[in-house]
Amino acid sequence: MAKIALALLLAPAAAFVQTPAAAPATTALRADAKSMDGIQAPVGFFDPLGLADKASDETLNWYRAAEIKHGRVALAGFLGFC
């Protein structure tokens, strides 16, 4: 009984033990705007302002995340309006 009580007392302490760091990924990804998901056949690649040509990989990923975030906020706003 004492072993079980000791185990139950020490179990939460495992949450404070640092786990070993994972090795960084070695794959290099290129955020090519012309090959991203969402490009449909009738319209194709649509960038009238040429923002994708001037942007770096990090900026393209930030644009994409911002578009998804704003879309979700718009959907939540619409649901709140209904």
PDB file of N, CA and C in Angstrom:
ATOM      1  N   MET A   1       0.819  -1.190   0.000  1.00  0.00           N
ATOM      2  CA  MET A   1       0.000   0.000   0.000  1.00  0.00           C
ATOM      3  C   MET A   1       0.864   1.255   0.000  1.00  0.00           C
ATOM      4  N   ALA A   2       1.968   1.203   0.727  1.00  0.00           N
ATOM      5  CA  ALA A   2       2.862   2.353   0.793  1.00  0.00           C
ATOM      6  C   ALA A   2       3.515   2.620  -0.567  1.00  0.00           C
ATOM      7  N   LYS A   3       3.813   1.568  -1.333  1.00  0.00           N
ATOM      8  CA  LYS A   3       4.416   1.744  -2.663  1.00  0.00           C
ATOM      9  C   LYS A   3       3.439   2.421  -3.611  1.00  0.00           C
ATOM     10  N   ILE A   4       2.176   2.055  -3.514  1.00  0.00           N
ATOM     11  CA  ILE A   4       1.159   2.668  -4.376  1.00  0.00           C
ATOM     12  C   ILE A   4       0.981   4.140  -4.016  1.00  0.00           C
ATOM     13  N   ALA A   5       0.966   4.438  -2.732  1.00  0.00           N
ATOM     14  CA  ALA A   5       0.830   5.823  -2.295  1.00  0.00           C
ATOM     15  C   ALA A   5       2.019   6.654  -2.745  1.00  0.00           C
ATOM     16  N   LEU A   6       3.228   6.092  -2.651  1.00  0.00           N
ATOM     17  CA  LEU A   6       4.430   6.796  -3.099  1.00  0.00           C
ATOM     18  C   LEU A   6       4.391   7.028  -4.600  1.00  0.00           C
ATOM     19  N   ALA A   7       3.941   6.037  -5.359  1.00  0.00           N
ATOM     20  CA  ALA A   7       3.844   6.179  -6.809  1.00  0.00           C
ATOM     21  C   ALA A   7       2.828   7.245  -7.179  1.00  0.00           C
ATOM     22  N   LEU A   8       1.717   7.293  -6.467  1.00  0.00           N
ATOM     23  CA  LEU A   8       0.711   8.312  -6.754  1.00  0.00           C
ATOM     24  C   LEU A   8       1.190   9.711  -6.397  1.00  0.00           C
ATOM     25  N   LEU A   9       2.040   9.822  -5.394  1.00  0.00           N
ATOM     26  CA  LEU A   9       2.575  11.130  -5.012  1.00  0.00           C
ATOM     27  C   LEU A   9       3.635  11.622  -5.997  1.00  0.00           C
ATOM     28  N   LEU A  10       4.410  10.703  -6.568  1.00  0.00           N
ATOM     29  CA  LEU A  10       5.492  11.085  -7.466  1.00  0.00           C
ATOM     30  C   LEU A  10       5.066  11.167  -8.934  1.00  0.00           C
ATOM     31  N   ALA A  11       3.915  10.630  -9.289  1.00  0.00           N
ATOM     32  CA  ALA A  11       3.463  10.630 -10.679  1.00  0.00           C
ATOM     33  C   ALA A  11       3.319  12.041 -11.254  1.00  0.00           C
ATOM     34  N   PRO A  12       2.763  13.016 -10.541  1.00  0.00           N
ATOM     35  CA  PRO A  12       2.657  14.362 -11.115  1.00  0.00           C
ATOM     36  C   PRO A  12       4.018  15.029 -11.340  1.00  0.00           C
ATOM     37  N   ALA A  13       5.052  14.580 -10.663  1.00  0.00           N
ATOM     38  CA  ALA A  13       6.369  15.180 -10.844  1.00  0.00           C
ATOM     39  C   ALA A  13       6.925  14.904 -12.232  1.00  0.00           C
ATOM     40  N   ALA A  14       6.408  13.886 -12.916  1.00  0.00           N
ATOM     41  CA  ALA A  14       6.880  13.573 -14.267  1.00  0.00           C
ATOM     42  C   ALA A  14       6.549  14.694 -15.238  1.00  0.00           C
ATOM     43  N   ALA A  15       5.583  15.517 -14.933  1.00  0.00           N
ATOM     44  CA  ALA A  15       5.220  16.618 -15.815  1.00  0.00           C
ATOM     45  C   ALA A  15       6.289  17.706 -15.833  1.00  0.00           C
ATOM     46  N   PHE A  16       7.142  17.739 -14.837  1.00  0.00           N
ATOM     47  CA  PHE A  16       8.154  18.780 -14.747  1.00  0.00           C
ATOM     48  C   PHE A  16       9.526  18.333 -15.223  1.00  0.00           C
ATOM     49  N   VAL A  17       9.639  17.110 -15.715  1.00  0.00           N
ATOM     50  CA  VAL A  17      10.906  16.593 -16.216  1.00  0.00           C
ATOM     51  C   VAL A  17      11.027  16.986 -17.683  1.00  0.00           C
ATOM     52  N   GLN A  18      12.172  17.540 -18.041  1.00  0.00           N
ATOM     53  CA  GLN A  18      12.374  17.984 -19.413  1.00  0.00           C
ATOM     54  C   GLN A  18      12.608  16.781 -20.314  1.00  0.00           C
ATOM     55  N   THR A  19      11.882  16.747 -21.421  1.00  0.00           N
ATOM     56  CA  THR A  19      12.055  15.660 -22.377  1.00  0.00           C
ATOM     57  C   THR A  19      13.240  15.980 -23.281  1.00  0.00           C
ATOM     58  N   PRO A  20      13.898  14.969 -23.824  1.00  0.00           N
ATOM     59  CA  PRO A  20      15.022  15.244 -24.719  1.00  0.00           C
ATOM     60  C   PRO A  20      14.537  15.948 -25.985  1.00  0.00           C
ATOM     61  N   ALA A  21      15.340  16.882 -26.443  1.00  0.00           N
ATOM     62  CA  ALA A  21      14.972  17.662 -27.624  1.00  0.00           C
ATOM     63  C   ALA A  21      15.041  16.791 -28.865  1.00  0.00           C
ATOM     64  N   ALA A  22      14.062  16.951 -29.730  1.00  0.00           N
ATOM     65  CA  ALA A  22      14.031  16.199 -30.976  1.00  0.00           C
ATOM     66  C   ALA A  22      15.010  16.824 -31.966  1.00  0.00           C
ATOM     67  N   ALA A  23      15.536  16.006 -32.819  1.00  0.00           N
ATOM     68  CA  ALA A  23      16.458  16.494 -33.845  1.00  0.00           C
ATOM     69  C   ALA A  23      15.678  17.356 -34.833  1.00  0.00           C
ATOM     70  N   PRO A  24      16.258  18.445 -35.290  1.00  0.00           N
ATOM     71  CA  PRO A  24      15.542  19.296 -36.246  1.00  0.00           C
ATOM     72  C   PRO A  24      15.312  18.547 -37.560  1.00  0.00           C
ATOM     73  N   ALA A  25      14.226  18.873 -38.205  1.00  0.00           N
ATOM     74  CA  ALA A  25      13.906  18.238 -39.478  1.00  0.00           C
ATOM     75  C   ALA A  25      14.916  18.657 -40.526  1.00  0.00           C
ATOM     76  N   THR A  26      15.298  17.740 -41.354  1.00  0.00           N
ATOM     77  CA  THR A  26      16.307  18.023 -42.370  1.00  0.00           C
ATOM     78  C   THR A  26      15.700  18.274 -43.736  1.00  0.00           C
ATOM     79  N   THR A  27      14.392  18.241 -43.840  1.00  0.00           N
ATOM     80  CA  THR A  27      13.774  18.483 -45.135  1.00  0.00           C
ATOM     81  C   THR A  27      13.662  19.977 -45.377  1.00  0.00           C
ATOM     82  N   ALA A  28      13.979  20.388 -46.545  1.00  0.00           N
ATOM     83  CA  ALA A  28      13.876  21.792 -46.930  1.00  0.00           C
ATOM     84  C   ALA A  28      12.645  21.953 -47.811  1.00  0.00           C
ATOM     85  N   LEU A  29      11.747  22.820 -47.415  1.00  0.00           N
ATOM     86  CA  LEU A  29      10.541  23.050 -48.180  1.00  0.00           C
ATOM     87  C   LEU A  29      10.615  24.406 -48.853  1.00  0.00           C
ATOM     88  N   ARG A  30      10.164  24.446 -50.068  1.00  0.00           N
ATOM     89  CA  ARG A  30      10.109  25.696 -50.808  1.00  0.00           C
ATOM     90  C   ARG A  30       8.644  26.047 -50.982  1.00  0.00           C
ATOM     91  N   ALA A  31       8.241  27.175 -50.480  1.00  0.00           N
ATOM     92  CA  ALA A  31       6.850  27.600 -50.579  1.00  0.00           C
ATOM     93  C   ALA A  31       6.633  28.269 -51.924  1.00  0.00           C
ATOM     94  N   ASP A  32       6.416  27.457 -52.933  1.00  0.00           N
ATOM     95  CA  ASP A  32       6.163  27.973 -54.273  1.00  0.00           C
ATOM     96  C   ASP A  32       4.676  28.281 -54.387  1.00  0.00           C
ATOM     97  N   ALA A  33       4.349  29.514 -54.637  1.00  0.00           N
ATOM     98  CA  ALA A  33       2.951  29.932 -54.648  1.00  0.00           C
ATOM     99  C   ALA A  33       2.174  29.279 -55.779  1.00  0.00           C
ATOM    100  N   LYS A  34       2.825  28.949 -56.866  1.00  0.00           N
ATOM    101  CA  LYS A  34       2.128  28.376 -58.012  1.00  0.00           C
ATOM    102  C   LYS A  34       1.798  26.904 -57.831  1.00  0.00           C
ATOM    103  N   SER A  35       2.367  26.266 -56.787  1.00  0.00           N
ATOM    104  CA  SER A  35       2.081  24.848 -56.563  1.00  0.00           C
ATOM    105  C   SER A  35       1.392  24.602 -55.221  1.00  0.00           C
ATOM    106  N   MET A  36       0.917  25.649 -54.557  1.00  0.00           N
ATOM    107  CA  MET A  36       0.230  25.487 -53.279  1.00  0.00           C
ATOM    108  C   MET A  36      -1.163  24.908 -53.490  1.00  0.00           C
ATOM    109  N   ASP A  37      -1.702  24.311 -52.433  1.00  0.00           N
ATOM    110  CA  ASP A  37      -3.058  23.785 -52.491  1.00  0.00           C
ATOM    111  C   ASP A  37      -4.051  24.918 -52.698  1.00  0.00           C
ATOM    112  N   GLY A  38      -5.133  24.615 -53.360  1.00  0.00           N
ATOM    113  CA  GLY A  38      -6.187  25.596 -53.547  1.00  0.00           C
ATOM    114  C   GLY A  38      -6.231  26.200 -54.941  1.00  0.00           C
ATOM    115  N   ILE A  39      -5.291  25.860 -55.787  1.00  0.00           N
ATOM    116  CA  ILE A  39      -5.303  26.376 -57.156  1.00  0.00           C
ATOM    117  C   ILE A  39      -6.216  25.476 -57.975  1.00  0.00           C
ATOM    118  N   GLN A  40      -7.282  26.038 -58.507  1.00  0.00           N
ATOM    119  CA  GLN A  40      -8.296  25.283 -59.225  1.00  0.00           C
ATOM    120  C   GLN A  40      -8.141  25.462 -60.730  1.00  0.00           C
ATOM    121  N   ALA A  41      -8.668  24.518 -61.474  1.00  0.00           N
ATOM    122  CA  ALA A  41      -8.514  24.493 -62.930  1.00  0.00           C
ATOM    123  C   ALA A  41      -9.146  25.684 -63.661  1.00  0.00           C
ATOM    124  N   PRO A  42     -10.364  26.100 -63.354  1.00  0.00           N
ATOM    125  CA  PRO A  42     -10.930  27.176 -64.181  1.00  0.00           C
ATOM    126  C   PRO A  42     -10.169  28.495 -64.072  1.00  0.00           C
ATOM    127  N   VAL A  43      -9.691  28.832 -62.886  1.00  0.00           N
ATOM    128  CA  VAL A  43      -9.021  30.112 -62.691  1.00  0.00           C
ATOM    129  C   VAL A  43      -7.509  29.947 -62.742  1.00  0.00           C
ATOM    130  N   GLY A  44      -7.006  28.888 -62.139  1.00  0.00           N
ATOM    131  CA  GLY A  44      -5.573  28.678 -62.088  1.00  0.00           C
ATOM    132  C   GLY A  44      -4.932  29.547 -61.013  1.00  0.00           C
ATOM    133  N   PHE A  45      -3.701  29.919 -61.223  1.00  0.00           N
ATOM    134  CA  PHE A  45      -2.989  30.758 -60.255  1.00  0.00           C
ATOM    135  C   PHE A  45      -3.446  32.193 -60.428  1.00  0.00           C
ATOM    136  N   PHE A  46      -3.984  32.806 -59.370  1.00  0.00           N
ATOM    137  CA  PHE A  46      -4.538  34.151 -59.433  1.00  0.00           C
ATOM    138  C   PHE A  46      -3.783  35.042 -58.467  1.00  0.00           C
ATOM    139  N   ASP A  47      -2.947  35.912 -58.985  1.00  0.00           N
ATOM    140  CA  ASP A  47      -2.196  36.872 -58.181  1.00  0.00           C
ATOM    141  C   ASP A  47      -2.063  38.168 -58.986  1.00  0.00           C
ATOM    142  N   PRO A  48      -3.136  38.968 -59.071  1.00  0.00           N
ATOM    143  CA  PRO A  48      -3.102  40.158 -59.916  1.00  0.00           C
ATOM    144  C   PRO A  48      -2.115  41.231 -59.447  1.00  0.00           C
ATOM    145  N   LEU A  49      -1.791  41.272 -58.167  1.00  0.00           N
ATOM    146  CA  LEU A  49      -0.866  42.290 -57.668  1.00  0.00           C
ATOM    147  C   LEU A  49       0.589  41.822 -57.679  1.00  0.00           C
ATOM    148  N   GLY A  50       0.817  40.559 -57.967  1.00  0.00           N
ATOM    149  CA  GLY A  50       2.181  40.032 -58.015  1.00  0.00           C
ATOM    150  C   GLY A  50       2.842  39.920 -56.652  1.00  0.00           C
ATOM    151  N   LEU A  51       2.046  39.702 -55.608  1.00  0.00           N
ATOM    152  CA  LEU A  51       2.611  39.609 -54.256  1.00  0.00           C
ATOM    153  C   LEU A  51       3.463  38.361 -54.070  1.00  0.00           C
ATOM    154  N   ALA A  52       3.140  37.295 -54.769  1.00  0.00           N
ATOM    155  CA  ALA A  52       3.883  36.043 -54.603  1.00  0.00           C
ATOM    156  C   ALA A  52       5.281  36.145 -55.199  1.00  0.00           C
ATOM    157  N   ASP A  53       5.463  36.983 -56.204  1.00  0.00           N
ATOM    158  CA  ASP A  53       6.783  37.129 -56.820  1.00  0.00           C
ATOM    159  C   ASP A  53       7.765  37.866 -55.915  1.00  0.00           C
ATOM    160  N   LYS A  54       7.238  38.774 -55.103  1.00  0.00           N
ATOM    161  CA  LYS A  54       8.095  39.602 -54.250  1.00  0.00           C
ATOM    162  C   LYS A  54       8.303  39.016 -52.871  1.00  0.00           C
ATOM    163  N   ALA A  55       7.556  37.972 -52.516  1.00  0.00           N
ATOM    164  CA  ALA A  55       7.560  37.461 -51.146  1.00  0.00           C
ATOM    165  C   ALA A  55       8.547  36.318 -50.980  1.00  0.00           C
ATOM    166  N   SER A  56       9.087  36.216 -49.763  1.00  0.00           N
ATOM    167  CA  SER A  56       9.957  35.094 -49.421  1.00  0.00           C
ATOM    168  C   SER A  56       9.094  33.917 -48.982  1.00  0.00           C
ATOM    169  N   ASP A  57       9.748  32.796 -48.682  1.00  0.00           N
ATOM    170  CA  ASP A  57       9.014  31.610 -48.227  1.00  0.00           C
ATOM    171  C   ASP A  57       8.271  31.891 -46.931  1.00  0.00           C
ATOM    172  N   GLU A  58       8.933  32.565 -46.006  1.00  0.00           N
ATOM    173  CA  GLU A  58       8.307  32.871 -44.718  1.00  0.00           C
ATOM    174  C   GLU A  58       7.097  33.785 -44.898  1.00  0.00           C
ATOM    175  N   THR A  59       7.217  34.749 -45.800  1.00  0.00           N
ATOM    176  CA  THR A  59       6.122  35.679 -46.036  1.00  0.00           C
ATOM    177  C   THR A  59       4.939  34.972 -46.679  1.00  0.00           C
ATOM    178  N   LEU A  60       5.200  34.065 -47.630  1.00  0.00           N
ATOM    179  CA  LEU A  60       4.108  33.317 -48.254  1.00  0.00           C
ATOM    180  C   LEU A  60       3.386  32.462 -47.229  1.00  0.00           C
ATOM    181  N   ASN A  61       4.122  31.817 -46.341  1.00  0.00           N
ATOM    182  CA  ASN A  61       3.486  31.019 -45.295  1.00  0.00           C
ATOM    183  C   ASN A  61       2.698  31.902 -44.334  1.00  0.00           C
ATOM    184  N   TRP A  62       3.207  33.102 -44.053  1.00  0.00           N
ATOM    185  CA  TRP A  62       2.487  34.033 -43.178  1.00  0.00           C
ATOM    186  C   TRP A  62       1.201  34.506 -43.847  1.00  0.00           C
ATOM    187  N   TYR A  63       1.256  34.812 -45.154  1.00  0.00           N
ATOM    188  CA  TYR A  63       0.049  35.204 -45.897  1.00  0.00           C
ATOM    189  C   TYR A  63      -0.995  34.099 -45.828  1.00  0.00           C
ATOM    190  N   ARG A  64      -0.549  32.875 -46.018  1.00  0.00           N
ATOM    191  CA  ARG A  64      -1.473  31.746 -46.015  1.00  0.00           C
ATOM    192  C   ARG A  64      -2.114  31.564 -44.637  1.00  0.00           C
ATOM    193  N   ALA A  65      -1.308  31.645 -43.581  1.00  0.00           N
ATOM    194  CA  ALA A  65      -1.843  31.512 -42.221  1.00  0.00           C
ATOM    195  C   ALA A  65      -2.808  32.653 -41.909  1.00  0.00           C
ATOM    196  N   ALA A  66      -2.480  33.861 -42.361  1.00  0.00           N
ATOM    197  CA  ALA A  66      -3.363  35.007 -42.118  1.00  0.00           C
ATOM    198  C   ALA A  66      -4.683  34.842 -42.863  1.00  0.00           C
ATOM    199  N   GLU A  67      -4.632  34.301 -44.070  1.00  0.00           N
ATOM    200  CA  GLU A  67      -5.864  34.090 -44.828  1.00  0.00           C
ATOM    201  C   GLU A  67      -6.762  33.066 -44.143  1.00  0.00           C
ATOM    202  N   ILE A  68      -6.171  31.997 -43.653  1.00  0.00           N
ATOM    203  CA  ILE A  68      -6.955  30.981 -42.950  1.00  0.00           C
ATOM    204  C   ILE A  68      -7.541  31.559 -41.667  1.00  0.00           C
ATOM    205  N   LYS A  69      -6.725  32.317 -40.920  1.00  0.00           N
ATOM    206  CA  LYS A  69      -7.199  32.903 -39.664  1.00  0.00           C
ATOM    207  C   LYS A  69      -8.351  33.872 -39.906  1.00  0.00           C
ATOM    208  N   HIS A  70      -8.227  34.732 -40.902  1.00  0.00           N
ATOM    209  CA  HIS A  70      -9.277  35.703 -41.176  1.00  0.00           C
ATOM    210  C   HIS A  70     -10.541  35.013 -41.679  1.00  0.00           C
ATOM    211  N   GLY A  71     -10.387  33.931 -42.427  1.00  0.00           N
ATOM    212  CA  GLY A  71     -11.551  33.170 -42.863  1.00  0.00           C
ATOM    213  C   GLY A  71     -12.289  32.554 -41.693  1.00  0.00           C
ATOM    214  N   ARG A  72     -11.537  32.032 -40.727  1.00  0.00           N
ATOM    215  CA  ARG A  72     -12.176  31.445 -39.545  1.00  0.00           C
ATOM    216  C   ARG A  72     -12.874  32.508 -38.707  1.00  0.00           C
ATOM    217  N   VAL A  73     -12.268  33.672 -38.581  1.00  0.00           N
ATOM    218  CA  VAL A  73     -12.895  34.759 -37.826  1.00  0.00           C
ATOM    219  C   VAL A  73     -14.177  35.214 -38.531  1.00  0.00           C
ATOM    220  N   ALA A  74     -14.142  35.270 -39.861  1.00  0.00           N
ATOM    221  CA  ALA A  74     -15.336  35.658 -40.607  1.00  0.00           C
ATOM    222  C   ALA A  74     -16.457  34.633 -40.425  1.00  0.00           C
ATOM    223  N   LEU A  75     -16.100  33.346 -40.436  1.00  0.00           N
ATOM    224  CA  LEU A  75     -17.108  32.313 -40.217  1.00  0.00           C
ATOM    225  C   LEU A  75     -17.696  32.397 -38.817  1.00  0.00           C
ATOM    226  N   ALA A  76     -16.843  32.636 -37.835  1.00  0.00           N
ATOM    227  CA  ALA A  76     -17.334  32.769 -36.455  1.00  0.00           C
ATOM    228  C   ALA A  76     -18.219  34.000 -36.322  1.00  0.00           C
ATOM    229  N   GLY A  77     -17.864  35.082 -36.980  1.00  0.00           N
ATOM    230  CA  GLY A  77     -18.679  36.289 -36.953  1.00  0.00           C
ATOM    231  C   GLY A  77     -20.036  36.068 -37.606  1.00  0.00           C
ATOM    232  N   PHE A  78     -20.035  35.311 -38.694  1.00  0.00           N
ATOM    233  CA  PHE A  78     -21.303  35.013 -39.359  1.00  0.00           C
ATOM    234  C   PHE A  78     -22.185  34.154 -38.471  1.00  0.00           C
ATOM    235  N   LEU A  79     -21.597  33.175 -37.791  1.00  0.00           N
ATOM    236  CA  LEU A  79     -22.379  32.343 -36.888  1.00  0.00           C
ATOM    237  C   LEU A  79     -22.914  33.149 -35.713  1.00  0.00           C
ATOM    238  N   GLY A  80     -22.136  34.100 -35.239  1.00  0.00           N
ATOM    239  CA  GLY A  80     -22.605  34.964 -34.166  1.00  0.00           C
ATOM    240  C   GLY A  80     -23.719  35.892 -34.610  1.00  0.00           C
ATOM    241  N   PHE A  81     -23.699  36.236 -35.890  1.00  0.00           N
ATOM    242  CA  PHE A  81     -24.738  37.121 -36.424  1.00  0.00           C
ATOM    243  C   PHE A  81     -26.060  36.401 -36.592  1.00  0.00           C
ATOM    244  N   CYS A  82     -25.995  35.111 -36.918  1.00  0.00           N
ATOM    245  CA  CYS A  82     -27.228  34.333 -37.177  1.00  0.00           C
ATOM    246  C   CYS A  82     -28.021  34.051 -35.962  1.00  0.00           C
TER     247      CYS A  82
END
